[in-house]
């Protein structure tokens, strides 16, 4: 099995690693073929039926056009007139609110205004050029984010295991969907990954700067930010630079946006209210209903902030901090609106997958519940690739007709994508039950190992601690 010690220890790979890489390549090719050769053609046929095939259907376009109209022509990007122009480019025509057959998503400019600073260098180019370049940039930074998450969690994998992670991450449905739609979620996820990698490297001010830049989609990082505020305040003298970098950058972004369009905060608030009114509910809201979903959301946010307080003394890369990181990124994927149309948001769960096959493995021997939770999460993860490969086999080999996305066969991999966030919950709950015990044993073993090492003696095995938890941390990685 794939195993890993605490945050700074090395991943152990099985002898059958080449077989696993070959399987990952097969599953990745299956998902890629399913998405680009089967799913997208079905969507194009549906667009022709709705007379909307002439648009670019790029999620980047509303932000790019809004930034161009503001910076080059001084127009309010939140206005109905600019929204109508966005629809003309996105859908191929303005939407008719009286036509029930038109899409419900108005594609208005619903981002914080300071997103225009990101897009300002690209306004003099045509959108097809910007679209092509941006898609390549998203691919590169998403690939890099896998390595940044490794660094943030202080994992040291072997090359084969890292290759396995990269293949599965880059061929996952959320990443393919985000790349095709040119979704800024991929950029936000990469900024978070780079920020956490800098945090693990003790470069707190720069980590805060990137964390502030990631607030162009505040609904994705709000819980991580709340937790890090609690974490920073608990040891203010050592960690204040994180909040200093964040506050300074956020002040520049907010102030610059106010200079460009005075009163934009109120306009943005109205735009987000309209957006929430016409999009689908969150995953929790869709399952529990509006009222119970809101209660569950509040409880989840409170619990994660409480856990940040509980483990506030632990440093990035520790088992405890990695656990907090996974929780802070999982909960927003369950809470953000438009659950059925925002599968790309699940790219935030890449560190959860890395945690599942590193620290999460250490939980399995501790109880039946922990073992069951791990197996459940593993199955929830892999079914998107298995079903995509099955659909490809049915269509290409068995010649099964596939005409519409809204069928059990056509949409099966998409539906499976939603399994993983929910199947993560049991394994995270089991981690809460055992994390203190594991941390206590690991701490005693490390203290004993350091004492023996200072006298030039090898570390004696701890009588109750697994062998992999008895290694002393390297001098460069001790908090």
Protein backbone atom coordinates (compact mmCIF):
# COMPACT_ATOMS: atom_id res chain seq x y z
CA UNK A 1 0.00 0.00 0.00
CA UNK A 2 0.97 3.62 -0.36
CA UNK A 3 2.11 4.83 3.00
CA UNK A 4 3.51 7.95 4.55
CA UNK A 5 4.69 9.03 7.94
CA UNK A 6 3.95 12.33 9.59
CA UNK A 7 4.20 15.50 7.51
CA UNK A 8 7.96 15.53 6.98
CA UNK A 9 8.58 11.84 6.37
CA UNK A 10 8.98 9.98 3.15
CA UNK A 11 6.28 8.27 1.13
CA UNK A 12 6.80 4.52 0.73
CA UNK A 13 5.77 3.16 -2.63
CA UNK A 14 4.84 -0.42 -3.43
CA UNK A 15 6.84 -2.71 -5.68
CA UNK A 16 3.91 -2.75 -8.06
CA UNK A 17 4.25 1.00 -8.71
CA UNK A 18 4.75 0.60 -12.52
CA UNK A 19 1.46 -1.30 -12.66
CA UNK A 20 -0.29 1.49 -10.79
CA UNK A 21 1.17 4.10 -13.13
CA UNK A 22 -0.01 2.11 -16.16
CA UNK A 23 -3.47 1.85 -14.63
CA UNK A 24 -3.48 5.59 -13.89
CA UNK A 25 -2.53 6.35 -17.50
CA UNK A 26 -5.36 4.13 -18.75
CA UNK A 27 -7.89 5.77 -16.42
CA UNK A 28 -6.60 9.23 -17.30
CA UNK A 29 -6.88 8.57 -21.03
CA UNK A 30 -10.38 7.22 -20.50
CA UNK A 31 -11.48 10.35 -18.63
CA UNK A 32 -9.86 12.66 -21.19
CA UNK A 33 -11.52 10.86 -24.10
CA UNK A 34 -14.86 10.87 -22.30
CA UNK A 35 -14.71 14.60 -21.61
CA UNK A 36 -13.40 15.92 -24.94
CA UNK A 37 -14.69 13.32 -27.41
CA UNK A 38 -18.04 12.33 -25.89
CA UNK A 39 -19.26 14.91 -23.40
CA UNK A 40 -18.40 18.12 -25.26
CA UNK A 41 -19.95 16.98 -28.60
CA UNK A 42 -23.18 16.16 -26.74
CA UNK A 43 -23.18 19.63 -25.22
CA UNK A 44 -22.60 21.20 -28.63
CA UNK A 45 -25.64 19.39 -30.00
CA UNK A 46 -27.71 20.69 -27.10
CA UNK A 47 -26.48 24.23 -27.77
CA UNK A 48 -27.65 24.03 -31.37
CA UNK A 49 -31.09 23.07 -30.11
CA UNK A 50 -31.22 26.19 -27.90
CA UNK A 51 -29.85 28.45 -30.66
CA UNK A 52 -26.86 29.34 -28.47
CA UNK A 53 -24.01 27.62 -30.30
CA UNK A 54 -22.53 30.88 -31.55
CA UNK A 55 -21.12 31.94 -28.20
CA UNK A 56 -17.65 31.33 -26.81
CA UNK A 57 -18.96 29.72 -23.57
CA UNK A 58 -15.82 30.72 -21.70
CA UNK A 59 -16.12 31.55 -18.01
CA UNK A 60 -13.21 33.95 -18.49
CA UNK A 61 -15.12 36.10 -20.98
CA UNK A 62 -17.51 37.89 -18.55
CA UNK A 63 -14.59 38.94 -16.39
CA UNK A 64 -12.43 39.95 -19.37
CA UNK A 65 -15.18 41.98 -21.03
CA UNK A 66 -16.16 43.63 -17.75
CA UNK A 67 -12.53 44.61 -17.13
CA UNK A 68 -12.21 45.99 -20.68
CA UNK A 69 -15.37 48.07 -20.42
CA UNK A 70 -14.29 49.50 -17.06
CA UNK A 71 -10.62 50.23 -17.79
CA UNK A 72 -10.88 51.26 -21.46
CA UNK A 73 -14.33 52.85 -21.61
CA UNK A 74 -15.14 53.78 -18.00
CA UNK A 75 -18.36 51.74 -17.93
CA UNK A 76 -19.83 50.01 -14.89
CA UNK A 77 -19.24 46.26 -15.39
CA UNK A 78 -22.15 45.43 -13.05
CA UNK A 79 -24.67 47.34 -15.19
CA UNK A 80 -27.44 45.61 -17.18
CA UNK A 81 -26.02 47.05 -20.41
CA UNK A 82 -22.63 45.39 -19.92
CA UNK A 83 -24.38 42.17 -18.81
CA UNK A 84 -26.28 42.16 -22.12
CA UNK A 85 -23.01 42.54 -24.04
CA UNK A 86 -21.45 39.72 -22.02
CA UNK A 87 -24.39 37.47 -22.93
CA UNK A 88 -23.99 38.33 -26.59
CA UNK A 89 -20.42 37.08 -26.53
CA UNK A 90 -20.93 34.18 -24.13
CA UNK A 91 -24.19 32.74 -25.47
CA UNK A 92 -24.12 34.23 -28.96
CA UNK A 93 -27.14 36.44 -28.18
CA UNK A 94 -28.65 38.33 -25.24
CA UNK A 95 -30.91 36.22 -23.05
CA UNK A 96 -34.65 36.73 -23.01
CA UNK A 97 -35.94 36.60 -19.44
CA UNK A 98 -39.45 35.75 -20.69
CA UNK A 99 -38.17 32.68 -22.57
CA UNK A 100 -38.16 29.68 -20.24
CA UNK A 101 -35.92 27.81 -22.63
CA UNK A 102 -33.05 30.25 -22.17
CA UNK A 103 -30.27 29.42 -19.68
CA UNK A 104 -30.88 30.61 -16.14
CA UNK A 105 -27.27 31.75 -15.60
CA UNK A 106 -27.15 35.43 -16.59
CA UNK A 107 -23.32 35.39 -16.81
CA UNK A 108 -23.13 38.83 -15.23
CA UNK A 109 -19.95 40.34 -13.81
CA UNK A 110 -20.32 39.02 -10.25
CA UNK A 111 -16.68 39.07 -9.09
CA UNK A 112 -15.01 41.60 -6.76
CA UNK A 113 -13.99 44.54 -8.89
CA UNK A 114 -10.28 44.12 -8.22
CA UNK A 115 -10.23 41.06 -10.51
CA UNK A 116 -9.75 43.64 -13.29
CA UNK A 117 -6.16 44.18 -12.10
CA UNK A 118 -5.42 40.56 -12.99
CA UNK A 119 -6.88 40.95 -16.49
CA UNK A 120 -5.59 44.46 -17.26
CA UNK A 121 -2.48 43.31 -19.20
CA UNK A 122 -4.66 41.31 -21.63
CA UNK A 123 -7.23 43.90 -22.64
CA UNK A 124 -5.44 45.01 -25.81
CA UNK A 125 -5.55 41.49 -27.27
CA UNK A 126 -8.50 39.79 -28.95
CA UNK A 127 -10.42 37.39 -26.77
CA UNK A 128 -9.53 34.28 -28.85
CA UNK A 129 -5.85 35.05 -28.21
CA UNK A 130 -6.46 35.70 -24.51
CA UNK A 131 -8.50 32.51 -24.27
CA UNK A 132 -5.77 30.36 -25.78
CA UNK A 133 -2.99 31.84 -23.65
CA UNK A 134 -5.05 31.71 -20.48
CA UNK A 135 -5.90 28.04 -20.97
CA UNK A 136 -2.20 27.22 -21.29
CA UNK A 137 -1.42 29.29 -18.20
CA UNK A 138 -4.13 27.49 -16.23
CA UNK A 139 -2.70 24.13 -17.27
CA UNK A 140 0.81 25.07 -16.13
CA UNK A 141 -0.18 26.55 -12.78
CA UNK A 142 -2.56 23.68 -12.03
CA UNK A 143 0.26 21.24 -12.70
CA UNK A 144 2.56 23.32 -10.50
CA UNK A 145 -0.06 23.44 -7.76
CA UNK A 146 0.28 19.69 -7.23
CA UNK A 147 3.94 20.25 -6.34
CA UNK A 148 3.07 23.28 -4.22
CA UNK A 149 0.59 21.23 -2.21
CA UNK A 150 3.31 18.61 -1.66
CA UNK A 151 5.58 21.34 -0.33
CA UNK A 152 2.83 22.90 1.77
CA UNK A 153 2.17 19.55 3.47
CA UNK A 154 5.90 18.79 3.73
CA UNK A 155 5.63 15.49 1.93
CA UNK A 156 8.67 13.92 0.31
CA UNK A 157 7.36 11.43 -2.24
CA UNK A 158 9.37 9.25 -4.54
CA UNK A 159 9.31 10.19 -8.20
CA UNK A 160 6.96 7.36 -9.19
CA UNK A 161 4.38 8.28 -6.61
CA UNK A 162 4.56 11.95 -7.58
CA UNK A 163 4.03 10.97 -11.23
CA UNK A 164 0.99 8.95 -10.21
CA UNK A 165 -0.48 11.94 -8.36
CA UNK A 166 0.15 14.29 -11.28
CA UNK A 167 -1.50 11.96 -13.81
CA UNK A 168 -4.65 11.54 -11.76
CA UNK A 169 -4.87 15.20 -10.78
CA UNK A 170 -4.50 16.53 -14.32
CA UNK A 171 -6.98 14.03 -15.77
CA UNK A 172 -9.62 14.44 -13.06
CA UNK A 173 -13.01 15.73 -14.15
CA UNK A 174 -12.78 19.00 -12.13
CA UNK A 175 -9.43 19.94 -13.72
CA UNK A 176 -10.52 19.05 -17.26
CA UNK A 177 -13.75 20.99 -16.76
CA UNK A 178 -11.93 24.00 -15.34
CA UNK A 179 -9.42 24.04 -18.20
CA UNK A 180 -12.09 23.81 -20.87
CA UNK A 181 -14.23 26.54 -19.29
CA UNK A 182 -11.13 28.64 -18.47
CA UNK A 183 -12.35 28.95 -14.90
CA UNK A 184 -10.62 31.30 -12.49
CA UNK A 185 -11.15 28.66 -9.78
CA UNK A 186 -8.00 26.93 -11.08
CA UNK A 187 -6.05 30.16 -10.61
CA UNK A 188 -7.47 30.64 -7.11
CA UNK A 189 -6.57 27.06 -6.16
CA UNK A 190 -3.02 27.56 -7.45
CA UNK A 191 -2.68 30.81 -5.46
CA UNK A 192 -3.82 29.00 -2.32
CA UNK A 193 -1.35 26.17 -2.96
CA UNK A 194 1.54 28.61 -3.48
CA UNK A 195 0.50 30.57 -0.40
CA UNK A 196 0.47 27.45 1.79
CA UNK A 197 3.83 26.34 0.36
CA UNK A 198 5.30 29.71 1.30
CA UNK A 199 3.73 29.38 4.74
CA UNK A 200 5.40 26.00 5.21
CA UNK A 201 8.68 27.62 4.14
CA UNK A 202 8.31 30.32 6.86
CA UNK A 203 7.79 33.11 4.29
CA UNK A 204 4.69 34.39 6.00
CA UNK A 205 4.40 37.85 4.44
CA UNK A 206 4.47 36.54 0.87
CA UNK A 207 2.03 33.81 1.87
CA UNK A 208 -0.36 36.52 3.05
CA UNK A 209 0.07 38.44 -0.21
CA UNK A 210 -0.96 35.43 -2.33
CA UNK A 211 -3.80 34.59 0.04
CA UNK A 212 -5.21 38.09 -0.51
CA UNK A 213 -4.92 37.68 -4.29
CA UNK A 214 -6.94 34.46 -4.00
CA UNK A 215 -9.92 36.44 -2.67
CA UNK A 216 -11.04 37.17 -6.25
CA UNK A 217 -13.31 34.20 -5.43
CA UNK A 218 -13.84 34.81 -1.71
CA UNK A 219 -16.39 32.03 -1.30
CA UNK A 220 -13.66 29.43 -1.87
CA UNK A 221 -11.08 30.67 0.62
CA UNK A 222 -13.14 32.33 3.33
CA UNK A 223 -12.91 29.39 5.76
CA UNK A 224 -9.17 28.91 5.26
CA UNK A 225 -8.73 32.63 5.91
CA UNK A 226 -10.84 32.50 9.09
CA UNK A 227 -8.83 29.56 10.36
CA UNK A 228 -5.50 31.18 9.58
CA UNK A 229 -6.56 34.34 11.42
CA UNK A 230 -7.22 32.24 14.52
CA UNK A 231 -3.94 30.38 13.98
CA UNK A 232 -1.95 33.61 13.57
CA UNK A 233 -3.47 35.42 16.55
CA UNK A 234 -2.63 32.51 18.85
CA UNK A 235 1.11 33.25 18.46
CA UNK A 236 1.03 36.81 17.23
CA UNK A 237 4.72 37.71 17.51
CA UNK A 238 5.82 34.74 15.42
CA UNK A 239 2.96 34.71 12.89
CA UNK A 240 1.88 38.31 12.51
CA UNK A 241 3.58 38.69 9.12
CA UNK A 242 1.00 36.39 7.54
CA UNK A 243 -1.83 38.77 8.44
CA UNK A 244 0.35 41.79 7.68
CA UNK A 245 0.94 40.58 4.12
CA UNK A 246 -2.72 39.76 3.69
CA UNK A 247 -3.99 43.06 5.11
CA UNK A 248 -1.55 45.20 3.11
CA UNK A 249 -2.39 43.49 -0.17
CA UNK A 250 -6.13 43.47 0.51
CA UNK A 251 -6.03 47.19 1.30
CA UNK A 252 -4.31 47.92 -2.00
CA UNK A 253 -6.84 45.80 -3.93
CA UNK A 254 -9.87 47.32 -2.21
CA UNK A 255 -8.54 50.86 -2.38
CA UNK A 256 -7.54 50.57 -6.02
CA UNK A 257 -10.96 49.20 -6.92
CA UNK A 258 -12.68 52.05 -5.05
CA UNK A 259 -10.67 54.58 -7.03
CA UNK A 260 -11.73 52.94 -10.29
CA UNK A 261 -15.43 52.68 -9.41
CA UNK A 262 -16.59 54.45 -6.22
CA UNK A 263 -19.27 52.46 -4.41
CA UNK A 264 -18.42 49.19 -6.17
CA UNK A 265 -18.90 47.13 -2.99
CA UNK A 266 -22.62 47.85 -3.02
CA UNK A 267 -22.85 47.04 -6.74
CA UNK A 268 -20.98 43.78 -6.19
CA UNK A 269 -23.25 42.83 -3.31
CA UNK A 270 -26.30 43.34 -5.52
CA UNK A 271 -24.71 41.30 -8.32
CA UNK A 272 -23.96 38.39 -5.96
CA UNK A 273 -27.52 38.47 -4.62
CA UNK A 274 -28.87 38.20 -8.17
CA UNK A 275 -26.42 35.39 -8.89
CA UNK A 276 -27.45 33.36 -5.84
CA UNK A 277 -31.12 33.87 -6.76
CA UNK A 278 -30.88 32.15 -10.15
CA UNK A 279 -28.19 29.46 -9.70
CA UNK A 280 -28.66 26.06 -8.13
CA UNK A 281 -28.23 25.65 -4.37
CA UNK A 282 -25.12 24.29 -2.70
CA UNK A 283 -24.54 20.56 -2.36
CA UNK A 284 -25.64 20.66 1.27
CA UNK A 285 -28.65 22.78 0.36
CA UNK A 286 -29.66 20.43 -2.45
CA UNK A 287 -29.59 17.43 -0.11
CA UNK A 288 -30.85 18.90 3.17
CA UNK A 289 -33.05 21.71 1.90
CA UNK A 290 -32.54 25.44 2.29
CA UNK A 291 -33.17 25.72 6.04
CA UNK A 292 -31.37 22.57 7.20
CA UNK A 293 -28.59 23.23 4.72
CA UNK A 294 -28.01 26.64 6.28
CA UNK A 295 -27.92 25.12 9.78
CA UNK A 296 -25.48 22.42 8.65
CA UNK A 297 -23.31 25.04 6.92
CA UNK A 298 -23.10 27.15 10.07
CA UNK A 299 -22.23 24.10 12.16
CA UNK A 300 -19.52 23.02 9.72
CA UNK A 301 -17.90 26.47 9.65
CA UNK A 302 -18.00 26.72 13.45
CA UNK A 303 -16.47 23.26 13.82
CA UNK A 304 -13.57 23.98 11.46
CA UNK A 305 -12.76 27.29 13.18
CA UNK A 306 -12.92 25.49 16.52
CA UNK A 307 -10.47 22.88 15.23
CA UNK A 308 -8.08 25.64 14.13
CA UNK A 309 -8.22 26.93 17.71
CA UNK A 310 -7.73 23.43 19.11
CA UNK A 311 -4.61 22.80 17.00
CA UNK A 312 -3.41 26.40 16.87
CA UNK A 313 0.04 25.57 18.24
CA UNK A 314 0.95 23.23 15.38
CA UNK A 315 3.08 24.28 12.43
CA UNK A 316 2.41 23.85 8.68
CA UNK A 317 3.33 20.37 7.53
CA UNK A 318 2.36 18.69 10.78
CA UNK A 319 -0.36 16.05 10.83
CA UNK A 320 -2.65 18.44 12.64
CA UNK A 321 -2.14 21.39 10.30
CA UNK A 322 -2.56 19.24 7.18
CA UNK A 323 -5.81 17.96 8.63
CA UNK A 324 -6.99 21.54 9.21
CA UNK A 325 -6.03 22.47 5.65
CA UNK A 326 -8.10 19.64 4.20
CA UNK A 327 -11.12 20.55 6.34
CA UNK A 328 -10.91 24.25 5.45
CA UNK A 329 -10.92 23.42 1.72
CA UNK A 330 -13.53 20.68 1.85
CA UNK A 331 -16.30 22.63 3.58
CA UNK A 332 -16.52 25.45 0.97
CA UNK A 333 -16.98 22.90 -1.81
CA UNK A 334 -20.10 21.73 0.03
CA UNK A 335 -21.38 25.25 0.77
CA UNK A 336 -20.87 27.36 -2.36
CA UNK A 337 -23.95 27.88 -4.57
CA UNK A 338 -24.45 26.31 -8.00
CA UNK A 339 -23.50 22.80 -6.90
CA UNK A 340 -24.62 21.18 -10.15
CA UNK A 341 -22.67 23.55 -12.39
CA UNK A 342 -19.42 24.14 -10.50
CA UNK A 343 -17.65 20.79 -10.55
CA UNK A 344 -14.38 22.61 -11.19
CA UNK A 345 -14.50 23.86 -7.58
CA UNK A 346 -13.60 20.34 -6.49
CA UNK A 347 -10.03 21.03 -7.64
CA UNK A 348 -9.65 22.37 -4.09
CA UNK A 349 -9.68 18.75 -2.93
CA UNK A 350 -6.28 17.88 -4.46
CA UNK A 351 -4.63 18.31 -1.01
CA UNK A 352 -7.37 16.11 0.45
CA UNK A 353 -6.34 13.32 -1.93
CA UNK A 354 -2.68 13.78 -0.98
CA UNK A 355 -3.64 13.70 2.69
CA UNK A 356 -5.75 10.57 2.17
CA UNK A 357 -2.73 8.66 0.84
CA UNK A 358 -0.27 10.07 3.39
CA UNK A 359 -1.45 10.90 6.91
CA UNK A 360 -4.82 9.31 6.24
CA UNK A 361 -3.19 5.91 5.82
CA UNK A 362 -1.89 6.07 9.39
CA UNK A 363 -5.47 6.17 10.67
CA UNK A 364 -6.53 2.86 9.17
CA UNK A 365 -5.15 0.49 11.83
CA UNK A 366 -6.60 2.51 14.70
CA UNK A 367 -10.26 1.47 14.48
CA UNK A 368 -12.85 -0.21 12.29
CA UNK A 369 -14.52 3.17 11.75
CA UNK A 370 -11.26 4.73 10.53
CA UNK A 371 -10.61 1.82 8.18
CA UNK A 372 -14.16 1.97 6.83
CA UNK A 373 -13.89 5.75 6.34
CA UNK A 374 -10.64 5.42 4.39
CA UNK A 375 -12.03 2.72 2.11
CA UNK A 376 -15.20 4.73 1.55
CA UNK A 377 -13.21 7.84 0.58
CA UNK A 378 -10.96 5.82 -1.73
CA UNK A 379 -13.98 4.40 -3.55
CA UNK A 380 -15.61 7.82 -3.74
CA UNK A 381 -12.46 9.12 -5.41
CA UNK A 382 -11.80 6.50 -8.09
CA UNK A 383 -15.31 6.01 -9.45
CA UNK A 384 -15.17 9.09 -11.68
CA UNK A 385 -12.33 7.50 -13.69
CA UNK A 386 -13.78 3.99 -13.63
CA UNK A 387 -17.16 5.14 -14.90
CA UNK A 388 -15.58 7.35 -17.57
CA UNK A 389 -13.58 4.37 -18.82
CA UNK A 390 -16.76 2.28 -18.76
CA UNK A 391 -18.63 4.86 -20.85
CA UNK A 392 -15.80 4.98 -23.38
CA UNK A 393 -15.79 1.18 -23.60
CA UNK A 394 -19.57 1.09 -24.08
CA UNK A 395 -19.52 3.72 -26.83
CA UNK A 396 -16.31 2.87 -28.68
CA UNK A 397 -16.16 -0.92 -28.34
CA UNK A 398 -19.80 -1.92 -27.84
CA UNK A 399 -21.11 0.85 -30.13
CA UNK A 400 -23.72 1.93 -27.61
CA UNK A 401 -25.48 5.12 -28.81
CA UNK A 402 -24.90 8.17 -26.65
CA UNK A 403 -27.00 11.16 -27.71
CA UNK A 404 -27.66 13.22 -24.59
CA UNK A 405 -25.67 14.19 -21.52
CA UNK A 406 -28.74 13.90 -19.29
CA UNK A 407 -28.77 10.08 -19.31
CA UNK A 408 -27.59 7.56 -16.73
CA UNK A 409 -24.75 6.47 -19.00
CA UNK A 410 -23.70 9.90 -20.25
CA UNK A 411 -23.73 11.67 -16.88
CA UNK A 412 -22.42 8.82 -14.71
CA UNK A 413 -18.82 10.14 -14.37
CA UNK A 414 -20.13 13.66 -13.64
CA UNK A 415 -22.38 12.36 -10.88
CA UNK A 416 -19.54 10.28 -9.43
CA UNK A 417 -17.45 13.44 -9.00
CA UNK A 418 -19.80 14.49 -6.20
CA UNK A 419 -19.21 11.31 -4.23
CA UNK A 420 -15.72 12.18 -3.03
CA UNK A 421 -16.51 15.28 -0.89
CA UNK A 422 -19.17 13.37 1.04
CA UNK A 423 -17.12 10.19 1.41
CA UNK A 424 -14.29 12.28 2.88
CA UNK A 425 -16.43 13.20 5.87
CA UNK A 426 -16.23 9.81 7.71
CA UNK A 427 -12.45 9.58 7.37
CA UNK A 428 -12.07 13.16 8.62
CA UNK A 429 -14.33 12.41 11.57
CA UNK A 430 -12.22 9.38 12.41
CA UNK A 431 -9.12 11.59 12.20
CA UNK A 432 -10.66 13.97 14.77
CA UNK A 433 -11.14 11.03 17.13
CA UNK A 434 -7.56 9.79 16.83
CA UNK A 435 -5.43 12.83 15.98
CA UNK A 436 -4.64 13.78 19.58
CA UNK A 437 -3.59 10.24 20.43
CA UNK A 438 -1.42 9.95 17.32
CA UNK A 439 0.15 13.35 17.90
CA UNK A 440 0.93 12.52 21.53
CA UNK A 441 2.64 9.29 20.63
CA UNK A 442 4.55 10.88 17.77
CA UNK A 443 5.69 13.74 20.00
CA UNK A 444 6.99 11.39 22.71
CA UNK A 445 8.80 9.28 20.13
CA UNK A 446 10.43 12.31 18.51
CA UNK A 447 11.51 13.71 21.87
CA UNK A 448 13.05 10.37 22.81
CA UNK A 449 14.80 10.11 19.44
CA UNK A 450 16.26 13.61 19.75
CA UNK A 451 17.55 12.91 23.25
CA UNK A 452 19.25 9.72 22.13
CA UNK A 453 20.64 11.38 19.01
CA UNK A 454 22.20 14.11 21.13
CA UNK A 455 24.20 11.38 22.91
CA UNK A 456 25.17 9.66 19.66
CA UNK A 457 22.87 6.67 20.24
CA UNK A 458 20.28 5.23 17.85
CA UNK A 459 16.66 5.82 18.79
CA UNK A 460 15.05 2.99 20.72
CA UNK A 461 11.67 1.92 19.42
CA UNK A 462 8.70 3.25 21.30
CA UNK A 463 6.81 0.29 22.78
CA UNK A 464 3.38 1.48 21.61
CA UNK A 465 4.21 3.52 18.51
CA UNK A 466 4.31 2.12 14.93
CA UNK A 467 7.79 2.02 13.47
CA UNK A 468 7.03 4.64 10.82
CA UNK A 469 6.11 7.21 13.52
CA UNK A 470 9.41 6.83 15.37
CA UNK A 471 11.68 8.69 12.97
CA UNK A 472 12.99 11.97 14.22
CA UNK A 473 12.27 14.94 11.98
CA UNK A 474 15.16 16.24 9.94
CA UNK A 475 16.87 19.28 11.47
CA UNK A 476 15.66 21.54 8.66
CA UNK A 477 12.03 20.58 9.21
CA UNK A 478 11.72 20.84 12.97
CA UNK A 479 9.35 23.66 14.03
